[in-house]
Amino acid sequence: MTSAQFRMNKRSAFVQAGLLTVTMGALVEIAQGITGNVNCRLRDLVPDSAGALVGTALVFLWNRVRGVPLTAPR
Protein backbone atom coordinates (compact mmCIF):
# COMPACT_ATOMS: atom_id res chain seq x y z
CA MET A 1 0.00 0.00 0.00
CA THR A 2 2.85 2.39 0.78
CA SER A 3 4.38 2.03 -2.68
CA ALA A 4 1.00 2.57 -4.33
CA GLN A 5 0.18 5.65 -2.25
CA PHE A 6 3.55 7.40 -2.49
CA ARG A 7 4.79 6.22 -5.92
CA MET A 8 8.10 4.88 -4.65
CA ASN A 9 10.02 1.73 -5.38
CA LYS A 10 9.00 -1.27 -3.33
CA ARG A 11 12.25 -1.60 -1.41
CA SER A 12 11.96 1.84 0.13
CA ALA A 13 8.23 1.25 0.64
CA PHE A 14 9.00 -1.85 2.74
CA VAL A 15 11.46 0.13 4.86
CA GLN A 16 9.08 3.06 5.26
CA ALA A 17 6.15 0.80 6.18
CA GLY A 18 8.26 -0.96 8.81
CA LEU A 19 9.42 2.32 10.30
CA LEU A 20 5.87 3.65 10.36
CA THR A 21 4.67 0.51 12.15
CA VAL A 22 7.32 0.77 14.86
CA THR A 23 6.78 4.54 15.18
CA MET A 24 3.04 4.08 15.63
CA GLY A 25 3.65 1.41 18.27
CA ALA A 26 6.05 3.74 20.09
CA LEU A 27 3.50 6.57 20.00
CA VAL A 28 0.86 4.26 21.49
CA GLU A 29 3.25 3.27 24.28
CA ILE A 30 4.06 6.93 24.97
CA ALA A 31 0.36 7.77 25.10
CA GLN A 32 -0.24 4.90 27.52
CA GLY A 33 2.58 6.19 29.73
CA ILE A 34 1.20 9.72 29.72
CA THR A 35 -2.31 8.58 30.66
CA GLY A 36 -1.00 6.39 33.50
CA ASN A 37 -1.91 3.07 31.94
CA VAL A 38 -0.11 0.23 33.73
CA ASN A 39 0.33 -1.71 30.46
CA CYS A 40 2.92 0.71 29.10
CA ARG A 41 6.04 -1.32 28.30
CA LEU A 42 8.77 -0.81 25.75
CA ARG A 43 8.89 -4.56 25.15
CA ASP A 44 5.45 -4.30 23.54
CA LEU A 45 7.24 -2.97 20.45
CA VAL A 46 8.78 -6.40 19.82
CA PRO A 47 5.53 -7.98 18.50
CA ASP A 48 4.94 -4.86 16.37
CA SER A 49 8.38 -5.21 14.82
CA ALA A 50 7.98 -8.96 14.35
CA GLY A 51 4.61 -8.44 12.68
CA ALA A 52 6.07 -5.85 10.33
CA LEU A 53 8.92 -8.22 9.40
CA VAL A 54 6.61 -11.20 8.84
CA GLY A 55 4.23 -9.07 6.76
CA THR A 56 7.10 -7.72 4.67
CA ALA A 57 8.47 -11.22 4.14
CA LEU A 58 5.08 -12.54 3.04
CA VAL A 59 4.54 -9.71 0.56
CA PHE A 60 8.09 -10.08 -0.74
CA LEU A 61 7.66 -13.83 -1.25
CA TRP A 62 4.22 -13.40 -2.84
CA ASN A 63 5.63 -10.85 -5.30
CA ARG A 64 8.59 -13.12 -5.99
CA VAL A 65 6.28 -16.04 -6.84
CA ARG A 66 4.21 -13.83 -9.12
CA GLY A 67 7.34 -12.42 -10.78
CA VAL A 68 6.69 -8.81 -9.79
CA PRO A 69 9.89 -6.70 -9.80
CA LEU A 70 10.89 -4.67 -6.75
CA THR A 71 10.91 -1.40 -8.66
CA ALA A 72 7.75 0.49 -9.49
CA PRO A 73 6.98 0.99 -13.17
CA ARG A 74 7.62 4.51 -14.41
PDB file of N, CA and C in Angstrom:
ATOM      1  N   MET A   1       0.822  -1.185   0.000  1.00  0.00           N
ATOM      2  CA  MET A   1       0.000   0.000   0.000  1.00  0.00           C
ATOM      3  C   MET A   1       0.869   1.253   0.000  1.00  0.00           C
ATOM      4  N   THR A   2       1.991   1.211   0.708  1.00  0.00           N
ATOM      5  CA  THR A   2       2.852   2.391   0.779  1.00  0.00           C
ATOM      6  C   THR A   2       3.399   2.750  -0.594  1.00  0.00           C
ATOM      7  N   SER A   3       3.820   1.735  -1.360  1.00  0.00           N
ATOM      8  CA  SER A   3       4.377   2.033  -2.679  1.00  0.00           C
ATOM      9  C   SER A   3       3.308   2.560  -3.619  1.00  0.00           C
ATOM     10  N   ALA A   4       2.075   2.087  -3.476  1.00  0.00           N
ATOM     11  CA  ALA A   4       0.996   2.575  -4.332  1.00  0.00           C
ATOM     12  C   ALA A   4       0.591   4.000  -3.970  1.00  0.00           C
ATOM     13  N   GLN A   5       0.616   4.328  -2.689  1.00  0.00           N
ATOM     14  CA  GLN A   5       0.185   5.653  -2.248  1.00  0.00           C
ATOM     15  C   GLN A   5       1.229   6.726  -2.526  1.00  0.00           C
ATOM     16  N   PHE A   6       2.506   6.396  -2.384  1.00  0.00           N
ATOM     17  CA  PHE A   6       3.547   7.404  -2.492  1.00  0.00           C
ATOM     18  C   PHE A   6       4.403   7.286  -3.739  1.00  0.00           C
ATOM     19  N   ARG A   7       4.063   6.386  -4.655  1.00  0.00           N
ATOM     20  CA  ARG A   7       4.790   6.218  -5.917  1.00  0.00           C
ATOM     21  C   ARG A   7       6.298   6.088  -5.706  1.00  0.00           C
ATOM     22  N   MET A   8       6.683   5.121  -4.895  1.00  0.00           N
ATOM     23  CA  MET A   8       8.104   4.876  -4.652  1.00  0.00           C
ATOM     24  C   MET A   8       8.407   3.431  -5.003  1.00  0.00           C
ATOM     25  N   ASN A   9       9.706   3.122  -5.097  1.00  0.00           N
ATOM     26  CA  ASN A   9      10.022   1.730  -5.383  1.00  0.00           C
ATOM     27  C   ASN A   9       9.694   0.874  -4.162  1.00  0.00           C
ATOM     28  N   LYS A  10       9.522  -0.407  -4.376  1.00  0.00           N
ATOM     29  CA  LYS A  10       8.995  -1.269  -3.326  1.00  0.00           C
ATOM     30  C   LYS A  10       9.988  -1.509  -2.202  1.00  0.00           C
ATOM     31  N   ARG A  11      11.269  -1.421  -2.482  1.00  0.00           N
ATOM     32  CA  ARG A  11      12.249  -1.600  -1.405  1.00  0.00           C
ATOM     33  C   ARG A  11      12.127  -0.494  -0.373  1.00  0.00           C
ATOM     34  N   SER A  12      12.093   0.744  -0.823  1.00  0.00           N
ATOM     35  CA  SER A  12      11.962   1.843   0.134  1.00  0.00           C
ATOM     36  C   SER A  12      10.574   1.851   0.759  1.00  0.00           C
ATOM     37  N   ALA A  13       9.574   1.346   0.063  1.00  0.00           N
ATOM     38  CA  ALA A  13       8.228   1.254   0.641  1.00  0.00           C
ATOM     39  C   ALA A  13       8.217   0.256   1.796  1.00  0.00           C
ATOM     40  N   PHE A  14       8.922  -0.874   1.650  1.00  0.00           N
ATOM     41  CA  PHE A  14       8.999  -1.846   2.740  1.00  0.00           C
ATOM     42  C   PHE A  14       9.666  -1.224   3.970  1.00  0.00           C
ATOM     43  N   VAL A  15      10.752  -0.506   3.743  1.00  0.00           N
ATOM     44  CA  VAL A  15      11.464   0.135   4.855  1.00  0.00           C
ATOM     45  C   VAL A  15      10.579   1.186   5.514  1.00  0.00           C
ATOM     46  N   GLN A  16       9.933   2.011   4.716  1.00  0.00           N
ATOM     47  CA  GLN A  16       9.084   3.060   5.263  1.00  0.00           C
ATOM     48  C   GLN A  16       7.892   2.463   6.014  1.00  0.00           C
ATOM     49  N   ALA A  17       7.280   1.428   5.497  1.00  0.00           N
ATOM     50  CA  ALA A  17       6.150   0.797   6.180  1.00  0.00           C
ATOM     51  C   ALA A  17       6.587   0.200   7.517  1.00  0.00           C
ATOM     52  N   GLY A  18       7.747  -0.408   7.548  1.00  0.00           N
ATOM     53  CA  GLY A  18       8.264  -0.955   8.807  1.00  0.00           C
ATOM     54  C   GLY A  18       8.538   0.126   9.833  1.00  0.00           C
ATOM     55  N   LEU A  19       9.151   1.209   9.382  1.00  0.00           N
ATOM     56  CA  LEU A  19       9.423   2.318  10.302  1.00  0.00           C
ATOM     57  C   LEU A  19       8.134   2.958  10.806  1.00  0.00           C
ATOM     58  N   LEU A  20       7.157   3.090   9.943  1.00  0.00           N
ATOM     59  CA  LEU A  20       5.874   3.653  10.364  1.00  0.00           C
ATOM     60  C   LEU A  20       5.175   2.748  11.373  1.00  0.00           C
ATOM     61  N   THR A  21       5.285   1.448  11.205  1.00  0.00           N
ATOM     62  CA  THR A  21       4.672   0.513  12.146  1.00  0.00           C
ATOM     63  C   THR A  21       5.302   0.638  13.524  1.00  0.00           C
ATOM     64  N   VAL A  22       6.627   0.656  13.578  1.00  0.00           N
ATOM     65  CA  VAL A  22       7.317   0.773  14.861  1.00  0.00           C
ATOM     66  C   VAL A  22       7.073   2.146  15.483  1.00  0.00           C
ATOM     67  N   THR A  23       7.046   3.194  14.670  1.00  0.00           N
ATOM     68  CA  THR A  23       6.781   4.539  15.177  1.00  0.00           C
ATOM     69  C   THR A  23       5.387   4.629  15.775  1.00  0.00           C
ATOM     70  N   MET A  24       4.407   4.058  15.101  1.00  0.00           N
ATOM     71  CA  MET A  24       3.042   4.080  15.630  1.00  0.00           C
ATOM     72  C   MET A  24       2.960   3.314  16.942  1.00  0.00           C
ATOM     73  N   GLY A  25       3.618   2.174  17.020  1.00  0.00           N
ATOM     74  CA  GLY A  25       3.647   1.412  18.271  1.00  0.00           C
ATOM     75  C   GLY A  25       4.291   2.203  19.396  1.00  0.00           C
ATOM     76  N   ALA A  26       5.383   2.914  19.085  1.00  0.00           N
ATOM     77  CA  ALA A  26       6.048   3.740  20.094  1.00  0.00           C
ATOM     78  C   ALA A  26       5.139   4.876  20.551  1.00  0.00           C
ATOM     79  N   LEU A  27       4.421   5.486  19.618  1.00  0.00           N
ATOM     80  CA  LEU A  27       3.504   6.565  19.996  1.00  0.00           C
ATOM     81  C   LEU A  27       2.378   6.052  20.896  1.00  0.00           C
ATOM     82  N   VAL A  28       1.894   4.853  20.630  1.00  0.00           N
ATOM     83  CA  VAL A  28       0.865   4.263  21.489  1.00  0.00           C
ATOM     84  C   VAL A  28       1.419   4.023  22.885  1.00  0.00           C
ATOM     85  N   GLU A  29       2.638   3.508  22.970  1.00  0.00           N
ATOM     86  CA  GLU A  29       3.253   3.272  24.280  1.00  0.00           C
ATOM     87  C   GLU A  29       3.474   4.585  25.035  1.00  0.00           C
ATOM     88  N   ILE A  30       3.878   5.626  24.339  1.00  0.00           N
ATOM     89  CA  ILE A  30       4.062   6.928  24.973  1.00  0.00           C
ATOM     90  C   ILE A  30       2.726   7.458  25.483  1.00  0.00           C
ATOM     91  N   ALA A  31       1.685   7.321  24.679  1.00  0.00           N
ATOM     92  CA  ALA A  31       0.356   7.774  25.101  1.00  0.00           C
ATOM     93  C   ALA A  31      -0.120   6.993  26.317  1.00  0.00           C
ATOM     94  N   GLN A  32       0.152   5.695  26.358  1.00  0.00           N
ATOM     95  CA  GLN A  32      -0.235   4.898  27.522  1.00  0.00           C
ATOM     96  C   GLN A  32       0.524   5.359  28.762  1.00  0.00           C
ATOM     97  N   GLY A  33       1.794   5.697  28.593  1.00  0.00           N
ATOM     98  CA  GLY A  33       2.578   6.188  29.729  1.00  0.00           C
ATOM     99  C   GLY A  33       2.081   7.526  30.239  1.00  0.00           C
ATOM    100  N   ILE A  34       1.683   8.398  29.330  1.00  0.00           N
ATOM    101  CA  ILE A  34       1.198   9.723  29.723  1.00  0.00           C
ATOM    102  C   ILE A  34      -0.130   9.612  30.476  1.00  0.00           C
ATOM    103  N   THR A  35      -0.987   8.714  30.032  1.00  0.00           N
ATOM    104  CA  THR A  35      -2.305   8.579  30.661  1.00  0.00           C
ATOM    105  C   THR A  35      -2.271   7.715  31.924  1.00  0.00           C
ATOM    106  N   GLY A  36      -1.121   7.175  32.269  1.00  0.00           N
ATOM    107  CA  GLY A  36      -0.999   6.390  33.496  1.00  0.00           C
ATOM    108  C   GLY A  36      -1.440   4.948  33.361  1.00  0.00           C
ATOM    109  N   ASN A  37      -1.534   4.454  32.170  1.00  0.00           N
ATOM    110  CA  ASN A  37      -1.909   3.067  31.939  1.00  0.00           C
ATOM    111  C   ASN A  37      -0.788   2.149  32.425  1.00  0.00           C
ATOM    112  N   VAL A  38      -1.136   1.120  33.169  1.00  0.00           N
ATOM    113  CA  VAL A  38      -0.114   0.233  33.726  1.00  0.00           C
ATOM    114  C   VAL A  38       0.450  -0.732  32.687  1.00  0.00           C
ATOM    115  N   ASN A  39      -0.141  -0.804  31.506  1.00  0.00           N
ATOM    116  CA  ASN A  39       0.327  -1.712  30.458  1.00  0.00           C
ATOM    117  C   ASN A  39       1.347  -1.067  29.529  1.00  0.00           C
ATOM    118  N   CYS A  40       1.945   0.019  29.931  1.00  0.00           N
ATOM    119  CA  CYS A  40       2.918   0.713  29.099  1.00  0.00           C
ATOM    120  C   CYS A  40       4.290   0.063  29.274  1.00  0.00           C
ATOM    121  N   ARG A  41       4.739  -0.664  28.252  1.00  0.00           N
ATOM    122  CA  ARG A  41       6.044  -1.316  28.304  1.00  0.00           C
ATOM    123  C   ARG A  41       6.724  -1.193  26.950  1.00  0.00           C
ATOM    124  N   LEU A  42       8.002  -0.929  26.987  1.00  0.00           N
ATOM    125  CA  LEU A  42       8.766  -0.815  25.746  1.00  0.00           C
ATOM    126  C   LEU A  42       8.849  -2.158  25.033  1.00  0.00           C
ATOM    127  N   ARG A  43       8.795  -3.235  25.775  1.00  0.00           N
ATOM    128  CA  ARG A  43       8.889  -4.555  25.152  1.00  0.00           C
ATOM    129  C   ARG A  43       7.672  -4.883  24.287  1.00  0.00           C
ATOM    130  N   ASP A  44       6.610  -4.101  24.400  1.00  0.00           N
ATOM    131  CA  ASP A  44       5.449  -4.301  23.540  1.00  0.00           C
ATOM    132  C   ASP A  44       5.745  -3.949  22.080  1.00  0.00           C
ATOM    133  N   LEU A  45       6.860  -3.292  21.825  1.00  0.00           N
ATOM    134  CA  LEU A  45       7.236  -2.966  20.447  1.00  0.00           C
ATOM    135  C   LEU A  45       7.808  -4.181  19.708  1.00  0.00           C
ATOM    136  N   VAL A  46       8.213  -5.204  20.451  1.00  0.00           N
ATOM    137  CA  VAL A  46       8.779  -6.400  19.819  1.00  0.00           C
ATOM    138  C   VAL A  46       7.748  -7.099  18.924  1.00  0.00           C
ATOM    139  N   PRO A  47       6.510  -7.351  19.404  1.00  0.00           N
ATOM    140  CA  PRO A  47       5.533  -7.976  18.499  1.00  0.00           C
ATOM    141  C   PRO A  47       5.190  -7.085  17.299  1.00  0.00           C
ATOM    142  N   ASP A  48       5.186  -5.764  17.500  1.00  0.00           N
ATOM    143  CA  ASP A  48       4.936  -4.860  16.373  1.00  0.00           C
ATOM    144  C   ASP A  48       6.017  -5.025  15.307  1.00  0.00           C
ATOM    145  N   SER A  49       7.263  -5.056  15.757  1.00  0.00           N
ATOM    146  CA  SER A  49       8.380  -5.209  14.823  1.00  0.00           C
ATOM    147  C   SER A  49       8.350  -6.579  14.147  1.00  0.00           C
ATOM    148  N   ALA A  50       8.056  -7.610  14.917  1.00  0.00           N
ATOM    149  CA  ALA A  50       7.983  -8.955  14.350  1.00  0.00           C
ATOM    150  C   ALA A  50       6.860  -9.050  13.322  1.00  0.00           C
ATOM    151  N   GLY A  51       5.727  -8.440  13.630  1.00  0.00           N
ATOM    152  CA  GLY A  51       4.609  -8.442  12.677  1.00  0.00           C
ATOM    153  C   GLY A  51       4.955  -7.717  11.395  1.00  0.00           C
ATOM    154  N   ALA A  52       5.660  -6.593  11.521  1.00  0.00           N
ATOM    155  CA  ALA A  52       6.072  -5.850  10.329  1.00  0.00           C
ATOM    156  C   ALA A  52       7.042  -6.685   9.485  1.00  0.00           C
ATOM    157  N   LEU A  53       7.966  -7.375  10.133  1.00  0.00           N
ATOM    158  CA  LEU A  53       8.921  -8.216   9.398  1.00  0.00           C
ATOM    159  C   LEU A  53       8.235  -9.403   8.719  1.00  0.00           C
ATOM    160  N   VAL A  54       7.320 -10.050   9.427  1.00  0.00           N
ATOM    161  CA  VAL A  54       6.607 -11.196   8.843  1.00  0.00           C
ATOM    162  C   VAL A  54       5.747 -10.726   7.670  1.00  0.00           C
ATOM    163  N   GLY A  55       5.053  -9.603   7.844  1.00  0.00           N
ATOM    164  CA  GLY A  55       4.234  -9.073   6.755  1.00  0.00           C
ATOM    165  C   GLY A  55       5.061  -8.707   5.542  1.00  0.00           C
ATOM    166  N   THR A  56       6.207  -8.087   5.768  1.00  0.00           N
ATOM    167  CA  THR A  56       7.096  -7.723   4.671  1.00  0.00           C
ATOM    168  C   THR A  56       7.608  -8.969   3.956  1.00  0.00           C
ATOM    169  N   ALA A  57       7.978  -9.981   4.736  1.00  0.00           N
ATOM    170  CA  ALA A  57       8.475 -11.225   4.137  1.00  0.00           C
ATOM    171  C   ALA A  57       7.397 -11.904   3.297  1.00  0.00           C
ATOM    172  N   LEU A  58       6.163 -11.919   3.797  1.00  0.00           N
ATOM    173  CA  LEU A  58       5.080 -12.544   3.043  1.00  0.00           C
ATOM    174  C   LEU A  58       4.799 -11.811   1.735  1.00  0.00           C
ATOM    175  N   VAL A  59       4.774 -10.485   1.785  1.00  0.00           N
ATOM    176  CA  VAL A  59       4.536  -9.705   0.561  1.00  0.00           C
ATOM    177  C   VAL A  59       5.696  -9.893  -0.412  1.00  0.00           C
ATOM    178  N   PHE A  60       6.915  -9.879   0.104  1.00  0.00           N
ATOM    179  CA  PHE A  60       8.089 -10.078  -0.738  1.00  0.00           C
ATOM    180  C   PHE A  60       8.034 -11.439  -1.430  1.00  0.00           C
ATOM    181  N   LEU A  61       7.728 -12.493  -0.659  1.00  0.00           N
ATOM    182  CA  LEU A  61       7.656 -13.832  -1.246  1.00  0.00           C
ATOM    183  C   LEU A  61       6.510 -13.949  -2.241  1.00  0.00           C
ATOM    184  N   TRP A  62       5.369 -13.349  -1.922  1.00  0.00           N
ATOM    185  CA  TRP A  62       4.225 -13.396  -2.842  1.00  0.00           C
ATOM    186  C   TRP A  62       4.573 -12.713  -4.164  1.00  0.00           C
ATOM    187  N   ASN A  63       5.227 -11.550  -4.085  1.00  0.00           N
ATOM    188  CA  ASN A  63       5.629 -10.850  -5.301  1.00  0.00           C
ATOM    189  C   ASN A  63       6.683 -11.635  -6.067  1.00  0.00           C
ATOM    190  N   ARG A  64       7.543 -12.321  -5.354  1.00  0.00           N
ATOM    191  CA  ARG A  64       8.586 -13.123  -5.987  1.00  0.00           C
ATOM    192  C   ARG A  64       7.960 -14.286  -6.773  1.00  0.00           C
ATOM    193  N   VAL A  65       6.954 -14.924  -6.173  1.00  0.00           N
ATOM    194  CA  VAL A  65       6.277 -16.044  -6.836  1.00  0.00           C
ATOM    195  C   VAL A  65       5.553 -15.544  -8.081  1.00  0.00           C
ATOM    196  N   ARG A  66       4.951 -14.383  -7.991  1.00  0.00           N
ATOM    197  CA  ARG A  66       4.208 -13.830  -9.120  1.00  0.00           C
ATOM    198  C   ARG A  66       5.131 -13.213 -10.174  1.00  0.00           C
ATOM    199  N   GLY A  67       6.402 -13.001  -9.832  1.00  0.00           N
ATOM    200  CA  GLY A  67       7.342 -12.417 -10.783  1.00  0.00           C
ATOM    201  C   GLY A  67       7.278 -10.901 -10.869  1.00  0.00           C
ATOM    202  N   VAL A  68       6.777 -10.259  -9.818  1.00  0.00           N
ATOM    203  CA  VAL A  68       6.687  -8.805  -9.790  1.00  0.00           C
ATOM    204  C   VAL A  68       8.044  -8.222  -9.388  1.00  0.00           C
ATOM    205  N   PRO A  69       8.597  -7.293 -10.165  1.00  0.00           N
ATOM    206  CA  PRO A  69       9.886  -6.698  -9.804  1.00  0.00           C
ATOM    207  C   PRO A  69       9.760  -5.799  -8.575  1.00  0.00           C
ATOM    208  N   LEU A  70      10.894  -5.517  -7.932  1.00  0.00           N
ATOM    209  CA  LEU A  70      10.892  -4.670  -6.745  1.00  0.00           C
ATOM    210  C   LEU A  70      10.868  -3.182  -7.065  1.00  0.00           C
ATOM    211  N   THR A  71      10.966  -2.822  -8.295  1.00  0.00           N
ATOM    212  CA  THR A  71      10.907  -1.402  -8.656  1.00  0.00           C
ATOM    213  C   THR A  71       9.570  -1.084  -9.282  1.00  0.00           C
ATOM    214  N   ALA A  72       9.056   0.074  -8.958  1.00  0.00           N
ATOM    215  CA  ALA A  72       7.753   0.492  -9.493  1.00  0.00           C
ATOM    216  C   ALA A  72       7.894   0.881 -10.952  1.00  0.00           C
ATOM    217  N   PRO A  73       6.923   0.567 -11.765  1.00  0.00           N
ATOM    218  CA  PRO A  73       6.975   0.995 -13.167  1.00  0.00           C
ATOM    219  C   PRO A  73       6.890   2.501 -13.279  1.00  0.00           C
ATOM    220  N   ARG A  74       7.597   3.041 -14.222  1.00  0.00           N
ATOM    221  CA  ARG A  74       7.624   4.513 -14.405  1.00  0.00           C
ATOM    222  C   ARG A  74       6.736   4.915 -15.527  1.00  0.00           C
TER     223      ARG A  74
END
